[in-house]
Amino acid sequence: MDYWFLALVVSLLTVVAGMAITAVRIQQLDKAAVVDITWGAGFVAVAVITGAVSLSVGAGDAWRTVLLVVLVAVWGGRLAWHVRSRASGEHQGKEDPRYAEMLGGPVSEVGIGTVARRVLVNQGVAQWFVALPVALGVFQDVELWPFVVLGLVVFGIGFFFETVGDRQLKEYKAKPKEQRPPVMDQGLWAWTRHPNYFGDATVWWGLWLVGGLASGWLVGLVTVLCPVAMTFFIRNVTGAKLLEKTMSQRDGWDEYAARVPLFFPRPPRRA
């Protein structure tokens, strides 16, 4: 358990700093959705900073530390870049409906204190907790190396579903409304109604295998609730279920939902 306290403190301070910077940016743009960029970028910051501290004190296996930093940077960097226009630049002045409902009004009216209590604190705590397999893993030696290999496979599956699902949805939205079906049901969207969310959760199961369980059974057991929490919230609270409140109002949704599973994918079925 050497360096555990250091890992917890460094990762926590990194998340706090990231949310503080986000609060300033939210005030500037009058948009709470900016925090979506911080969600991906914040994990990258945690991985990079804890990884740098680990290397500086000579803790853990350097090759696995670098591997974890690279994996998180690839995933989190892509995610932050993907949501950047929707969260900050594009639709200037238009708040994301999720945050509009959560806050009960524009940021300029409810105040940054309300944004901090209802959004930033919750996301900060979630980010710190979910990142623990990485934050702790970079300070540990690898004890069960087969789980590093398995974790890379799981990470790759999740990254494929998330990136390809996002690209397919972007291509769908780029078509004129009269030239596209009312519900996206092609490609990975014929396997699951939320391939990007499924991929997001799967990525963190892969990172838990690489950073948590590969560090030994103790670290694995201590951190297993991290991907469990990520999967639960992204499926039932902040992701799939929340989005379906608006998606279910589209024509053809009931037929689509009847043949395509909510989250975990399966081969396409006919209507």
Protein backbone atom coordinates (compact mmCIF):
# COMPACT_ATOMS: atom_id res chain seq x y z
CA MET A 1 0.00 0.00 0.00
CA ASP A 2 3.00 2.26 -0.43
CA TYR A 3 2.19 5.57 -2.16
CA TRP A 4 -1.58 5.06 -1.88
CA PHE A 5 -2.06 8.29 0.08
CA LEU A 6 0.11 10.19 -2.39
CA ALA A 7 -1.92 8.84 -5.32
CA LEU A 8 -5.23 9.79 -3.69
CA VAL A 9 -4.08 13.32 -2.81
CA VAL A 10 -2.43 14.10 -6.15
CA SER A 11 -5.42 12.84 -8.14
CA LEU A 12 -7.86 14.76 -5.92
CA LEU A 13 -5.93 18.02 -6.22
CA THR A 14 -5.77 17.57 -9.99
CA VAL A 15 -9.55 17.12 -10.22
CA VAL A 16 -10.19 20.13 -7.97
CA ALA A 17 -7.92 22.31 -10.11
CA GLY A 18 -9.64 21.12 -13.27
CA MET A 19 -13.10 21.91 -11.94
CA ALA A 20 -11.95 25.34 -10.74
CA ILE A 21 -10.69 26.18 -14.24
CA THR A 22 -13.95 24.85 -15.65
CA ALA A 23 -15.97 27.12 -13.36
CA VAL A 24 -14.16 30.16 -14.75
CA ARG A 25 -14.82 29.04 -18.32
CA ILE A 26 -18.49 28.35 -17.55
CA GLN A 27 -18.91 31.90 -16.32
CA GLN A 28 -17.23 33.30 -19.42
CA LEU A 29 -19.45 31.36 -21.85
CA ASP A 30 -22.59 31.18 -19.69
CA LYS A 31 -22.78 27.45 -20.42
CA ALA A 32 -22.56 24.63 -17.90
CA ALA A 33 -22.06 22.13 -20.75
CA VAL A 34 -18.39 23.17 -20.78
CA VAL A 35 -17.94 20.58 -18.05
CA ASP A 36 -18.38 17.87 -20.69
CA ILE A 37 -14.98 18.85 -22.10
CA THR A 38 -13.49 18.62 -18.62
CA TRP A 39 -14.89 15.12 -18.22
CA GLY A 40 -12.52 13.70 -20.84
CA ALA A 41 -9.69 16.19 -20.37
CA GLY A 42 -9.77 15.82 -16.59
CA PHE A 43 -9.05 12.10 -16.75
CA VAL A 44 -6.10 12.86 -19.00
CA ALA A 45 -4.81 15.39 -16.47
CA VAL A 46 -5.12 12.87 -13.63
CA ALA A 47 -3.28 10.20 -15.61
CA VAL A 48 -0.50 12.55 -16.74
CA ILE A 49 0.11 14.19 -13.36
CA THR A 50 -0.08 11.03 -11.24
CA GLY A 51 2.04 9.25 -13.84
CA ALA A 52 4.66 12.01 -13.73
CA VAL A 53 4.76 11.93 -9.92
CA SER A 54 5.06 8.13 -9.97
CA LEU A 55 7.99 8.24 -12.37
CA SER A 56 9.68 10.99 -10.36
CA VAL A 57 9.63 8.96 -7.14
CA GLY A 58 10.49 5.68 -8.87
CA ALA A 59 7.26 3.92 -7.94
CA GLY A 60 5.60 1.17 -9.96
CA ASP A 61 6.60 -0.27 -13.31
CA ALA A 62 7.52 2.56 -15.65
CA TRP A 63 6.32 0.74 -18.78
CA ARG A 64 2.84 0.16 -17.30
CA THR A 65 2.69 3.77 -16.09
CA VAL A 66 3.42 5.03 -19.59
CA LEU A 67 0.89 2.57 -21.02
CA LEU A 68 -1.87 3.80 -18.70
CA VAL A 69 -1.11 7.44 -19.46
CA VAL A 70 -1.20 6.78 -23.20
CA LEU A 71 -4.48 4.83 -23.02
CA VAL A 72 -6.23 7.52 -20.97
CA ALA A 73 -4.79 10.28 -23.16
CA VAL A 74 -6.05 8.61 -26.34
CA TRP A 75 -9.52 8.02 -24.90
CA GLY A 76 -9.95 11.28 -22.98
CA GLY A 77 -8.33 13.47 -25.62
CA ARG A 78 -10.61 12.10 -28.33
CA LEU A 79 -13.69 12.54 -26.16
CA ALA A 80 -12.84 16.13 -25.20
CA TRP A 81 -12.18 17.00 -28.84
CA HIS A 82 -15.39 15.31 -29.94
CA VAL A 83 -17.65 17.30 -27.59
CA ARG A 84 -15.77 20.60 -27.79
CA SER A 85 -18.00 22.30 -30.41
CA ARG A 86 -21.25 21.22 -28.77
CA ALA A 87 -20.05 22.14 -25.30
CA SER A 88 -18.43 25.49 -25.97
CA GLY A 89 -18.07 26.85 -29.49
CA GLU A 90 -21.02 25.61 -31.54
CA HIS A 91 -24.54 26.71 -30.56
CA GLN A 92 -23.11 29.70 -28.73
CA GLY A 93 -25.40 30.74 -25.89
CA LYS A 94 -27.61 27.62 -26.14
CA GLU A 95 -27.38 25.45 -23.05
CA ASP A 96 -27.47 21.66 -23.17
CA PRO A 97 -31.03 20.58 -22.18
CA ARG A 98 -29.63 18.24 -19.51
CA TYR A 99 -27.89 21.08 -17.69
CA ALA A 100 -30.73 23.53 -18.28
CA GLU A 101 -33.08 21.15 -16.47
CA MET A 102 -30.52 20.41 -13.76
CA LEU A 103 -29.85 24.08 -13.00
CA GLY A 104 -33.35 25.44 -13.50
CA GLY A 105 -32.14 28.43 -15.50
CA PRO A 106 -29.14 30.02 -17.28
CA VAL A 107 -25.80 30.15 -15.50
CA SER A 108 -25.94 33.94 -15.43
CA GLU A 109 -29.21 33.77 -13.46
CA VAL A 110 -28.66 30.88 -11.06
CA GLY A 111 -25.03 31.80 -10.33
CA ILE A 112 -21.80 29.84 -10.38
CA GLY A 113 -22.42 28.65 -6.81
CA THR A 114 -25.46 26.70 -7.98
CA VAL A 115 -23.48 25.31 -10.90
CA ALA A 116 -20.76 24.21 -8.50
CA ARG A 117 -23.19 22.47 -6.13
CA ARG A 118 -25.34 20.76 -8.75
CA VAL A 119 -22.78 20.00 -11.46
CA LEU A 120 -19.10 20.57 -10.70
CA VAL A 121 -18.92 18.91 -7.28
CA ASN A 122 -20.84 15.85 -8.45
CA GLN A 123 -18.79 15.44 -11.60
CA GLY A 124 -15.56 16.11 -9.73
CA VAL A 125 -16.24 13.42 -7.14
CA ALA A 126 -17.29 10.98 -9.87
CA GLN A 127 -14.19 11.75 -11.93
CA TRP A 128 -11.84 11.30 -8.98
CA PHE A 129 -13.47 8.01 -7.97
CA VAL A 130 -13.63 6.51 -11.47
CA ALA A 131 -9.98 7.44 -12.11
CA LEU A 132 -8.71 5.53 -9.05
CA PRO A 133 -7.61 2.39 -10.97
CA VAL A 134 -5.29 4.61 -12.99
CA ALA A 135 -4.20 6.90 -10.14
CA LEU A 136 -3.33 3.95 -7.91
CA GLY A 137 -2.08 1.71 -10.70
CA VAL A 138 0.71 4.01 -11.83
CA PHE A 139 2.28 3.70 -8.35
CA GLN A 140 2.14 -0.12 -8.22
CA ASP A 141 4.18 -2.96 -9.68
CA VAL A 142 2.46 -5.35 -12.06
CA GLU A 143 1.65 -8.61 -10.26
CA LEU A 144 -0.84 -10.22 -12.67
CA TRP A 145 0.43 -9.31 -16.15
CA PRO A 146 -2.17 -11.41 -18.09
CA PHE A 147 -4.77 -8.86 -16.95
CA VAL A 148 -2.78 -6.15 -18.71
CA VAL A 149 -3.23 -8.06 -21.96
CA LEU A 150 -6.91 -8.74 -21.27
CA GLY A 151 -7.43 -5.11 -20.32
CA LEU A 152 -5.95 -3.92 -23.61
CA VAL A 153 -8.40 -6.14 -25.50
CA VAL A 154 -11.37 -4.86 -23.48
CA PHE A 155 -10.17 -1.26 -23.86
CA GLY A 156 -9.87 -1.76 -27.63
CA ILE A 157 -13.43 -3.10 -27.88
CA GLY A 158 -14.79 -0.17 -25.90
CA PHE A 159 -12.79 2.40 -27.85
CA PHE A 160 -14.03 0.88 -31.12
CA PHE A 161 -17.69 1.09 -30.09
CA GLU A 162 -17.33 4.63 -28.79
CA THR A 163 -15.38 6.14 -31.67
CA VAL A 164 -17.17 4.35 -34.49
CA GLY A 165 -20.57 4.96 -32.88
CA ASP A 166 -19.83 8.70 -32.56
CA ARG A 167 -18.62 8.88 -36.16
CA GLN A 168 -21.69 7.07 -37.50
CA LEU A 169 -24.00 9.37 -35.54
CA LYS A 170 -22.15 12.44 -36.81
CA GLU A 171 -22.56 11.24 -40.42
CA TYR A 172 -26.25 10.61 -39.77
CA LYS A 173 -26.79 14.12 -38.38
CA ALA A 174 -24.91 15.66 -41.32
CA LYS A 175 -27.59 14.48 -43.75
CA PRO A 176 -30.66 16.66 -44.40
CA LYS A 177 -33.57 15.59 -42.21
CA GLU A 178 -35.68 14.61 -45.22
CA GLN A 179 -32.94 12.24 -46.43
CA ARG A 180 -32.41 10.32 -43.21
CA PRO A 181 -34.62 8.02 -41.12
CA PRO A 182 -36.16 9.57 -37.97
CA VAL A 183 -34.13 7.19 -35.80
CA MET A 184 -30.49 6.22 -36.34
CA ASP A 185 -30.53 2.43 -36.68
CA GLN A 186 -27.53 1.69 -38.90
CA GLY A 187 -24.08 0.29 -38.15
CA LEU A 188 -23.38 -0.15 -34.46
CA TRP A 189 -26.68 1.58 -33.72
CA ALA A 190 -28.39 -1.59 -34.94
CA TRP A 191 -26.54 -3.54 -32.23
CA THR A 192 -27.24 -1.23 -29.29
CA ARG A 193 -29.19 2.01 -28.90
CA HIS A 194 -26.14 3.63 -27.29
CA PRO A 195 -22.88 2.21 -28.73
CA ASN A 196 -20.93 5.28 -27.62
CA TYR A 197 -22.06 4.96 -24.00
CA PHE A 198 -21.48 1.20 -24.01
CA GLY A 199 -17.99 1.83 -25.39
CA ASP A 200 -17.31 4.48 -22.76
CA ALA A 201 -18.13 2.09 -19.93
CA THR A 202 -16.18 -0.77 -21.53
CA VAL A 203 -13.09 1.43 -21.86
CA TRP A 204 -13.05 1.87 -18.08
CA TRP A 205 -13.41 -1.85 -17.46
CA GLY A 206 -10.32 -2.23 -19.63
CA LEU A 207 -8.46 0.45 -17.66
CA TRP A 208 -9.47 -1.23 -14.41
CA LEU A 209 -7.98 -4.51 -15.64
CA VAL A 210 -4.75 -2.80 -16.74
CA GLY A 211 -4.33 -0.47 -13.78
CA GLY A 212 -6.30 -2.08 -10.99
CA LEU A 213 -6.51 -5.86 -11.16
CA ALA A 214 -3.10 -6.25 -12.83
CA SER A 215 -1.63 -4.57 -9.72
CA GLY A 216 -2.83 -7.43 -7.55
CA TRP A 217 -6.02 -8.69 -5.98
CA LEU A 218 -6.02 -6.02 -3.25
CA VAL A 219 -5.88 -3.08 -5.65
CA GLY A 220 -8.34 -4.86 -7.92
CA LEU A 221 -10.89 -5.37 -5.14
CA VAL A 222 -10.47 -1.85 -3.77
CA THR A 223 -11.09 -0.28 -7.20
CA VAL A 224 -13.65 -2.64 -8.77
CA LEU A 225 -16.52 -0.35 -7.80
CA CYS A 226 -15.01 2.36 -10.00
CA PRO A 227 -15.97 0.79 -13.37
CA VAL A 228 -19.18 -0.51 -11.76
CA ALA A 229 -20.13 3.07 -10.86
CA MET A 230 -19.15 4.33 -14.31
CA THR A 231 -21.32 1.68 -15.99
CA PHE A 232 -24.29 2.29 -13.69
CA PHE A 233 -24.33 6.06 -14.07
CA ILE A 234 -23.67 6.11 -17.80
CA ARG A 235 -26.44 3.56 -18.38
CA ASN A 236 -29.05 4.54 -15.81
CA VAL A 237 -28.48 8.14 -14.68
CA THR A 238 -26.51 10.61 -16.79
CA GLY A 239 -26.24 8.81 -20.14
CA ALA A 240 -28.50 6.38 -21.94
CA LYS A 241 -31.67 6.59 -19.84
CA LEU A 242 -31.54 10.39 -19.67
CA LEU A 243 -31.07 10.76 -23.42
CA GLU A 244 -33.93 8.39 -24.14
CA LYS A 245 -36.40 10.76 -22.49
CA THR A 246 -36.16 12.95 -25.58
CA MET A 247 -35.27 10.28 -28.15
CA SER A 248 -38.38 8.25 -27.31
CA GLN A 249 -40.57 11.05 -28.69
CA ARG A 250 -39.36 10.45 -32.26
CA ASP A 251 -41.39 8.61 -34.86
CA GLY A 252 -40.35 4.98 -35.16
CA TRP A 253 -38.68 4.89 -31.76
CA ASP A 254 -40.95 2.23 -30.25
CA GLU A 255 -40.23 -0.19 -33.09
CA TYR A 256 -36.51 0.56 -32.88
CA ALA A 257 -36.43 0.08 -29.09
CA ALA A 258 -38.32 -3.21 -29.40
CA ARG A 259 -35.63 -4.83 -31.57
CA VAL A 260 -32.41 -3.10 -30.40
CA PRO A 261 -31.17 -3.45 -26.79
CA LEU A 262 -30.67 -0.38 -24.62
CA PHE A 263 -27.02 -0.87 -23.72
CA PHE A 264 -25.30 -4.23 -24.10
CA PRO A 265 -25.01 -5.03 -27.85
CA ARG A 266 -26.32 -8.05 -29.69
CA PRO A 267 -26.47 -8.87 -33.43
CA PRO A 268 -29.13 -6.90 -35.35
CA ARG A 269 -32.67 -8.27 -35.50
CA ARG A 270 -35.36 -7.66 -38.04
CA ALA A 271 -38.44 -5.69 -37.10
